[in-house]
Amino acid sequence: MAMTLRLDYQEQEALKARAAAEGISMQDVARRAIRDYVARSEHRSKVSTATELILDVHAQAIERLGT
């Protein structure tokens, strides 16, 4: 799937510099950044869900510890 990514001058220069430093294309840097962002977001979501479950399951114990 093709898409157009519009960057301002500073973003483009930062992307270009990172690509040059890593010896890869600007497209590859952008794709890595997107994959990393998605992975971090999914991880945060899983941690949040697990936290809510633990708080629900252990609410009484947590309340007793806090008092």
N, C-alpha and C. Protein backbone atom coordinates (compact mmCIF):
# COMPACT_ATOMS: atom_id res chain seq x y z
N MET A 1 0.84 -1.17 0.00
CA MET A 1 0.00 0.00 0.00
C MET A 1 0.89 1.23 0.00
N ALA A 2 0.66 2.12 -0.88
CA ALA A 2 1.45 3.34 -0.98
C ALA A 2 0.75 4.47 -0.24
N MET A 3 1.56 5.37 0.29
CA MET A 3 1.01 6.55 0.94
C MET A 3 2.01 7.69 0.83
N THR A 4 1.53 8.87 1.01
CA THR A 4 2.39 10.04 0.99
C THR A 4 2.54 10.54 2.41
N LEU A 5 3.76 10.78 2.82
CA LEU A 5 4.03 11.31 4.15
C LEU A 5 4.58 12.71 3.99
N ARG A 6 3.85 13.67 4.49
CA ARG A 6 4.28 15.07 4.39
C ARG A 6 5.02 15.46 5.65
N LEU A 7 6.25 15.91 5.48
CA LEU A 7 7.09 16.33 6.59
C LEU A 7 7.46 17.80 6.43
N ASP A 8 7.65 18.47 7.56
CA ASP A 8 8.17 19.82 7.44
C ASP A 8 9.69 19.72 7.23
N TYR A 9 10.32 20.84 7.01
CA TYR A 9 11.74 20.86 6.67
C TYR A 9 12.58 20.20 7.77
N GLN A 10 12.32 20.54 9.02
CA GLN A 10 13.10 19.99 10.13
C GLN A 10 12.92 18.48 10.27
N GLU A 11 11.70 18.02 10.10
CA GLU A 11 11.45 16.58 10.17
C GLU A 11 12.17 15.85 9.04
N GLN A 12 12.12 16.41 7.85
CA GLN A 12 12.78 15.79 6.70
C GLN A 12 14.30 15.75 6.90
N GLU A 13 14.87 16.84 7.41
CA GLU A 13 16.32 16.88 7.64
C GLU A 13 16.72 15.88 8.72
N ALA A 14 15.92 15.77 9.77
CA ALA A 14 16.20 14.80 10.83
C ALA A 14 16.13 13.37 10.28
N LEU A 15 15.13 13.11 9.46
CA LEU A 15 14.98 11.80 8.85
C LEU A 15 16.16 11.49 7.93
N LYS A 16 16.54 12.46 7.15
CA LYS A 16 17.67 12.30 6.23
C LYS A 16 18.96 12.03 7.01
N ALA A 17 19.18 12.77 8.09
CA ALA A 17 20.39 12.58 8.90
C ALA A 17 20.41 11.20 9.54
N ARG A 18 19.26 10.75 10.07
CA ARG A 18 19.19 9.43 10.70
C ARG A 18 19.45 8.34 9.67
N ALA A 19 18.88 8.50 8.48
CA ALA A 19 19.08 7.51 7.42
C ALA A 19 20.55 7.44 7.03
N ALA A 20 21.18 8.58 6.89
CA ALA A 20 22.61 8.60 6.53
C ALA A 20 23.45 7.96 7.63
N ALA A 21 23.13 8.25 8.89
CA ALA A 21 23.89 7.69 10.01
C ALA A 21 23.76 6.17 10.08
N GLU A 22 22.60 5.66 9.70
CA GLU A 22 22.37 4.22 9.76
C GLU A 22 22.68 3.52 8.44
N GLY A 23 22.92 4.30 7.41
CA GLY A 23 23.23 3.71 6.11
C GLY A 23 22.04 3.04 5.45
N ILE A 24 20.86 3.57 5.71
CA ILE A 24 19.64 3.01 5.12
C ILE A 24 18.83 4.15 4.50
N SER A 25 17.78 3.80 3.81
CA SER A 25 16.96 4.81 3.15
C SER A 25 16.06 5.54 4.16
N MET A 26 15.64 6.73 3.77
CA MET A 26 14.70 7.48 4.60
C MET A 26 13.41 6.68 4.78
N GLN A 27 13.00 5.98 3.75
CA GLN A 27 11.79 5.16 3.83
C GLN A 27 11.95 4.07 4.89
N ASP A 28 13.12 3.43 4.92
CA ASP A 28 13.34 2.38 5.92
C ASP A 28 13.34 2.95 7.34
N VAL A 29 13.91 4.14 7.53
CA VAL A 29 13.90 4.76 8.85
C VAL A 29 12.46 5.04 9.26
N ALA A 30 11.66 5.60 8.36
CA ALA A 30 10.27 5.92 8.66
C ALA A 30 9.48 4.65 8.98
N ARG A 31 9.71 3.60 8.21
CA ARG A 31 9.00 2.34 8.46
C ARG A 31 9.38 1.75 9.81
N ARG A 32 10.65 1.82 10.18
CA ARG A 32 11.08 1.35 11.50
C ARG A 32 10.40 2.15 12.60
N ALA A 33 10.37 3.45 12.42
CA ALA A 33 9.75 4.31 13.43
C ALA A 33 8.28 3.97 13.61
N ILE A 34 7.61 3.72 12.52
CA ILE A 34 6.18 3.36 12.59
C ILE A 34 6.01 2.02 13.30
N ARG A 35 6.82 1.04 12.95
CA ARG A 35 6.74 -0.28 13.60
C ARG A 35 7.00 -0.15 15.11
N ASP A 36 8.02 0.64 15.47
CA ASP A 36 8.34 0.84 16.89
C ASP A 36 7.18 1.51 17.61
N TYR A 37 6.59 2.53 16.99
CA TYR A 37 5.46 3.23 17.60
C TYR A 37 4.28 2.29 17.82
N VAL A 38 3.98 1.50 16.83
CA VAL A 38 2.85 0.56 16.94
C VAL A 38 3.14 -0.47 18.04
N ALA A 39 4.35 -1.00 18.08
CA ALA A 39 4.70 -1.99 19.11
C ALA A 39 4.60 -1.39 20.51
N ARG A 40 5.10 -0.17 20.70
CA ARG A 40 5.02 0.48 22.01
C ARG A 40 3.57 0.74 22.40
N SER A 41 2.77 1.17 21.44
CA SER A 41 1.35 1.44 21.72
C SER A 41 0.62 0.16 22.10
N GLU A 42 0.89 -0.93 21.39
CA GLU A 42 0.26 -2.20 21.73
C GLU A 42 0.69 -2.67 23.11
N HIS A 43 1.97 -2.49 23.43
CA HIS A 43 2.48 -2.89 24.75
C HIS A 43 1.80 -2.09 25.84
N ARG A 44 1.70 -0.76 25.66
CA ARG A 44 1.02 0.08 26.65
C ARG A 44 -0.41 -0.37 26.86
N SER A 45 -1.08 -0.72 25.78
CA SER A 45 -2.47 -1.17 25.88
C SER A 45 -2.57 -2.47 26.68
N LYS A 46 -1.66 -3.40 26.42
CA LYS A 46 -1.67 -4.67 27.15
C LYS A 46 -1.37 -4.46 28.63
N VAL A 47 -0.41 -3.59 28.93
CA VAL A 47 -0.08 -3.30 30.33
C VAL A 47 -1.27 -2.66 31.03
N SER A 48 -1.93 -1.74 30.35
CA SER A 48 -3.11 -1.07 30.93
C SER A 48 -4.22 -2.07 31.22
N THR A 49 -4.48 -2.96 30.29
CA THR A 49 -5.50 -3.99 30.48
C THR A 49 -5.15 -4.90 31.65
N ALA A 50 -3.88 -5.31 31.72
CA ALA A 50 -3.45 -6.18 32.82
C ALA A 50 -3.54 -5.46 34.16
N THR A 51 -3.19 -4.18 34.17
CA THR A 51 -3.28 -3.39 35.40
C THR A 51 -4.72 -3.30 35.89
N GLU A 52 -5.63 -3.03 34.98
CA GLU A 52 -7.05 -2.96 35.35
C GLU A 52 -7.54 -4.29 35.91
N LEU A 53 -7.13 -5.38 35.30
CA LEU A 53 -7.53 -6.70 35.77
C LEU A 53 -7.01 -6.96 37.18
N ILE A 54 -5.74 -6.67 37.39
CA ILE A 54 -5.14 -6.89 38.71
C ILE A 54 -5.83 -6.02 39.76
N LEU A 55 -6.09 -4.77 39.42
CA LEU A 55 -6.77 -3.88 40.37
C LEU A 55 -8.16 -4.39 40.70
N ASP A 56 -8.86 -4.91 39.70
CA ASP A 56 -10.20 -5.45 39.94
C ASP A 56 -10.15 -6.72 40.80
N VAL A 57 -9.27 -7.63 40.44
CA VAL A 57 -9.20 -8.92 41.13
C VAL A 57 -8.73 -8.75 42.57
N HIS A 58 -7.81 -7.82 42.79
CA HIS A 58 -7.21 -7.67 44.11
C HIS A 58 -7.64 -6.36 44.79
N ALA A 59 -8.78 -5.84 44.45
CA ALA A 59 -9.24 -4.56 44.98
C ALA A 59 -9.30 -4.54 46.50
N GLN A 60 -9.84 -5.60 47.07
CA GLN A 60 -9.98 -5.62 48.54
C GLN A 60 -8.62 -5.63 49.22
N ALA A 61 -7.70 -6.43 48.73
CA ALA A 61 -6.36 -6.48 49.33
C ALA A 61 -5.65 -5.14 49.16
N ILE A 62 -5.77 -4.55 48.00
CA ILE A 62 -5.13 -3.26 47.75
C ILE A 62 -5.71 -2.20 48.68
N GLU A 63 -7.00 -2.26 48.89
CA GLU A 63 -7.66 -1.29 49.78
C GLU A 63 -7.16 -1.48 51.21
N ARG A 64 -7.04 -2.73 51.65
CA ARG A 64 -6.54 -3.00 53.01
C ARG A 64 -5.09 -2.52 53.18
N LEU A 65 -4.29 -2.69 52.16
CA LEU A 65 -2.88 -2.26 52.24
C LEU A 65 -2.77 -0.73 52.28
N GLY A 66 -3.70 -0.08 51.62
CA GLY A 66 -3.66 1.37 51.56
C GLY A 66 -4.17 2.05 52.81
N THR A 67 -4.83 1.32 53.68
CA THR A 67 -5.45 1.90 54.86
C THR A 67 -4.59 1.78 56.08
